Amino acid sequence: MAQRDPLENPEPLIRRVYSYVAYRIGDGADAEDVTSATFERALRYRHSYDEQRGDPARWLIGIASRCVSEFYAQRAEAGPEGPEGVAPGELAAEAPGRIDLQRAVATLSDRERELVALRFGADLTARQIAEVLGMRTNAVEVALHRLLGTLRETLGQDAPQRQGAPADRRVEAAE
């Protein structure tokens, strides 16, 4: 029986991987580069894909996770850079809420940021996240619930209330 090509329908996979990467490192050229590196590896190692271990999206997210780790390692070797900016093209009305949310996510641990990126960036279910991280589904659901509560609390305490963009609405938008 011939193995299915994991990259036979790349469009939704590219969007999903880019969203995951952008959650981890921010929108822009760096996210595009890491996404490209992910697909370059996927093409090189597509023969290693095992559809019995999960769907192509989960396989690619695993590759993307390693590429993100390498991105941060290379950045650490290069030394500190300036503060991260807001992605070009964002609407002025959305920018303050996004910046507040980005700062709140930055207060989370690496593991918590990974959970947020897998859930909201890669759009994986708790069950899929559990399989990717080797955790129990219930543990993922509890961790996500707790960290979203932490984000709501952080946004409520640290971010000034903006007209039309209360803290809870900013977190709900991320969900």
Protein backbone atom coordinates (compact mmCIF):
# COMPACT_ATOMS: atom_id res chain seq x y z
CA MET A 1 0.00 0.00 0.00
CA ALA A 2 1.45 3.37 -1.03
CA GLN A 3 1.92 5.96 1.65
CA ARG A 4 -0.13 9.14 1.37
CA ASP A 5 1.82 12.32 0.54
CA PRO A 6 1.55 14.55 3.65
CA LEU A 7 1.99 17.66 1.50
CA GLU A 8 -0.62 16.85 -1.15
CA ASN A 9 -2.83 19.80 -0.07
CA PRO A 10 -0.32 22.44 1.11
CA GLU A 11 -2.50 25.59 1.23
CA PRO A 12 -4.29 24.98 4.56
CA LEU A 13 -1.13 23.47 6.03
CA ILE A 14 0.92 26.56 5.20
CA ARG A 15 -1.67 28.83 6.84
CA ARG A 16 -1.83 26.63 9.93
CA VAL A 17 1.95 26.37 10.32
CA TYR A 18 2.40 30.11 9.74
CA SER A 19 -0.27 30.88 12.37
CA TYR A 20 1.47 28.62 14.88
CA VAL A 21 4.87 30.17 14.16
CA ALA A 22 3.47 33.71 14.31
CA TYR A 23 1.99 32.93 17.75
CA ARG A 24 5.43 31.81 18.89
CA ILE A 25 7.68 34.51 17.37
CA GLY A 26 5.37 37.21 15.99
CA ASP A 27 4.10 38.11 12.54
CA GLY A 28 6.39 39.14 9.77
CA ALA A 29 9.53 38.11 7.94
CA ASP A 30 10.88 35.92 10.74
CA ALA A 31 7.65 33.92 10.87
CA GLU A 32 7.75 33.55 7.09
CA ASP A 33 11.36 32.35 7.23
CA VAL A 34 10.62 29.79 9.96
CA THR A 35 7.54 28.60 8.06
CA SER A 36 9.67 28.21 4.93
CA ALA A 37 12.30 26.30 6.88
CA THR A 38 9.55 24.02 8.21
CA PHE A 39 8.32 23.15 4.73
CA GLU A 40 11.84 22.77 3.41
CA ARG A 41 12.47 20.11 6.07
CA ALA A 42 9.09 18.54 5.43
CA LEU A 43 9.92 18.18 1.75
CA ARG A 44 13.33 16.75 2.56
CA TYR A 45 11.96 14.26 5.10
CA ARG A 46 8.48 13.58 3.71
CA HIS A 47 9.42 9.89 3.43
CA SER A 48 9.56 9.75 7.26
CA TYR A 49 5.90 10.80 7.64
CA ASP A 50 3.83 8.07 9.27
CA GLU A 51 0.10 8.65 8.89
CA GLN A 52 -0.60 6.21 11.73
CA ARG A 53 1.10 8.62 14.15
CA GLY A 54 -1.14 11.55 13.19
CA ASP A 55 -2.30 13.84 10.45
CA PRO A 56 0.04 15.99 8.34
CA ALA A 57 -0.74 19.16 10.34
CA ARG A 58 0.50 17.60 13.58
CA TRP A 59 3.61 16.30 11.82
CA LEU A 60 4.35 19.76 10.43
CA ILE A 61 3.70 21.46 13.78
CA GLY A 62 6.30 19.15 15.31
CA ILE A 63 8.81 20.23 12.66
CA ALA A 64 7.81 23.88 13.12
CA SER A 65 8.32 23.60 16.88
CA ARG A 66 11.91 22.48 16.32
CA CYS A 67 12.45 25.29 13.81
CA VAL A 68 11.11 27.84 16.33
CA SER A 69 13.49 26.49 18.97
CA GLU A 70 16.38 26.84 16.52
CA PHE A 71 15.24 30.38 15.68
CA TYR A 72 15.40 31.36 19.36
CA ALA A 73 18.77 29.64 19.78
CA GLN A 74 20.19 31.56 16.82
CA ARG A 75 18.70 34.80 18.14
CA ALA A 76 20.29 34.17 21.55
CA GLU A 77 23.68 33.62 19.89
CA ALA A 78 23.28 36.87 17.92
CA GLY A 79 22.63 38.89 21.08
CA PRO A 80 19.80 41.14 22.20
CA GLU A 81 17.82 43.06 19.63
CA GLY A 82 15.42 45.95 19.89
CA PRO A 83 11.86 45.55 21.11
CA GLU A 84 9.42 43.71 18.92
CA GLY A 85 7.16 45.97 16.93
CA VAL A 86 3.60 45.66 15.80
CA ALA A 87 3.17 43.86 12.50
CA PRO A 88 2.74 46.15 9.51
CA GLY A 89 -0.77 46.68 8.28
CA GLU A 90 -2.53 46.28 11.62
CA LEU A 91 -5.42 48.57 12.21
CA ALA A 92 -4.74 51.30 14.75
CA ALA A 93 -7.83 50.29 16.73
CA GLU A 94 -6.56 46.70 17.14
CA ALA A 95 -2.94 47.52 17.93
CA PRO A 96 -3.31 48.40 21.65
CA GLY A 97 -5.22 45.21 22.41
CA ARG A 98 -2.75 43.09 20.46
CA ILE A 99 0.19 44.68 22.24
CA ASP A 100 -1.46 44.07 25.62
CA LEU A 101 -2.16 40.45 24.68
CA GLN A 102 1.39 39.97 23.38
CA ARG A 103 2.80 41.31 26.65
CA ALA A 104 0.48 39.10 28.68
CA VAL A 105 1.50 36.00 26.70
CA ALA A 106 5.15 36.94 27.23
CA THR A 107 4.60 36.55 31.00
CA LEU A 108 3.71 32.88 30.54
CA SER A 109 6.23 30.07 30.85
CA ASP A 110 7.69 28.48 27.71
CA ARG A 111 5.39 25.48 28.16
CA GLU A 112 2.32 27.71 28.51
CA ARG A 113 3.28 29.76 25.44
CA GLU A 114 3.67 26.50 23.52
CA LEU A 115 0.16 25.44 24.60
CA VAL A 116 -1.28 28.79 23.48
CA ALA A 117 0.51 28.55 20.13
CA LEU A 118 -0.65 24.97 19.54
CA ARG A 119 -4.25 25.76 20.49
CA PHE A 120 -4.75 29.15 18.88
CA GLY A 121 -1.93 29.37 16.35
CA ALA A 122 -2.03 25.83 14.98
CA ASP A 123 -5.73 25.42 15.85
CA LEU A 124 -5.17 21.98 17.35
CA THR A 125 -7.69 20.38 19.68
CA ALA A 126 -6.76 19.47 23.26
CA ARG A 127 -6.55 15.83 22.18
CA GLN A 128 -4.17 16.67 19.33
CA ILE A 129 -2.04 18.85 21.62
CA ALA A 130 -1.87 16.01 24.12
CA GLU A 131 -0.59 13.69 21.40
CA VAL A 132 2.00 16.22 20.20
CA LEU A 133 3.30 16.93 23.71
CA GLY A 134 2.91 13.44 25.16
CA MET A 135 0.39 14.62 27.77
CA ARG A 136 -3.06 13.46 28.80
CA THR A 137 -5.95 15.27 27.13
CA ASN A 138 -7.43 16.23 30.50
CA ALA A 139 -4.10 17.73 31.60
CA VAL A 140 -4.00 19.85 28.43
CA GLU A 141 -7.58 21.03 28.96
CA VAL A 142 -6.86 21.99 32.58
CA ALA A 143 -3.60 23.74 31.64
CA LEU A 144 -5.33 25.71 28.86
CA HIS A 145 -8.17 26.69 31.19
CA ARG A 146 -5.74 27.89 33.85
CA LEU A 147 -3.49 29.80 31.51
CA LEU A 148 -6.44 31.55 29.87
CA GLY A 149 -7.55 32.58 33.35
CA THR A 150 -4.04 33.88 33.98
CA LEU A 151 -4.15 35.84 30.73
CA ARG A 152 -7.55 37.32 31.60
CA GLU A 153 -6.24 38.31 35.02
CA THR A 154 -3.04 39.80 33.58
CA LEU A 155 -4.96 41.74 30.96
CA GLY A 156 -7.41 42.97 33.59
CA GLN A 157 -4.65 44.15 35.94
CA ASP A 158 -1.95 45.40 33.59
CA ALA A 159 -3.84 46.75 30.61
CA PRO A 160 -5.73 49.99 30.93
CA GLN A 161 -9.39 49.58 30.06
CA ARG A 162 -9.93 50.86 26.56
CA GLN A 163 -13.27 51.97 25.28
CA GLY A 164 -14.77 49.10 23.30
CA ALA A 165 -11.94 46.67 24.16
CA PRO A 166 -12.25 45.37 27.71
CA ALA A 167 -9.74 42.78 28.87
CA ASP A 168 -12.17 39.86 28.58
CA ARG A 169 -12.97 40.73 24.98
CA ARG A 170 -9.26 40.79 24.08
CA VAL A 171 -8.75 37.29 25.50
CA GLU A 172 -11.95 36.03 23.85
CA ALA A 173 -10.66 37.37 20.55
CA ALA A 174 -7.54 35.26 21.06
CA GLU A 175 -9.67 32.20 21.72
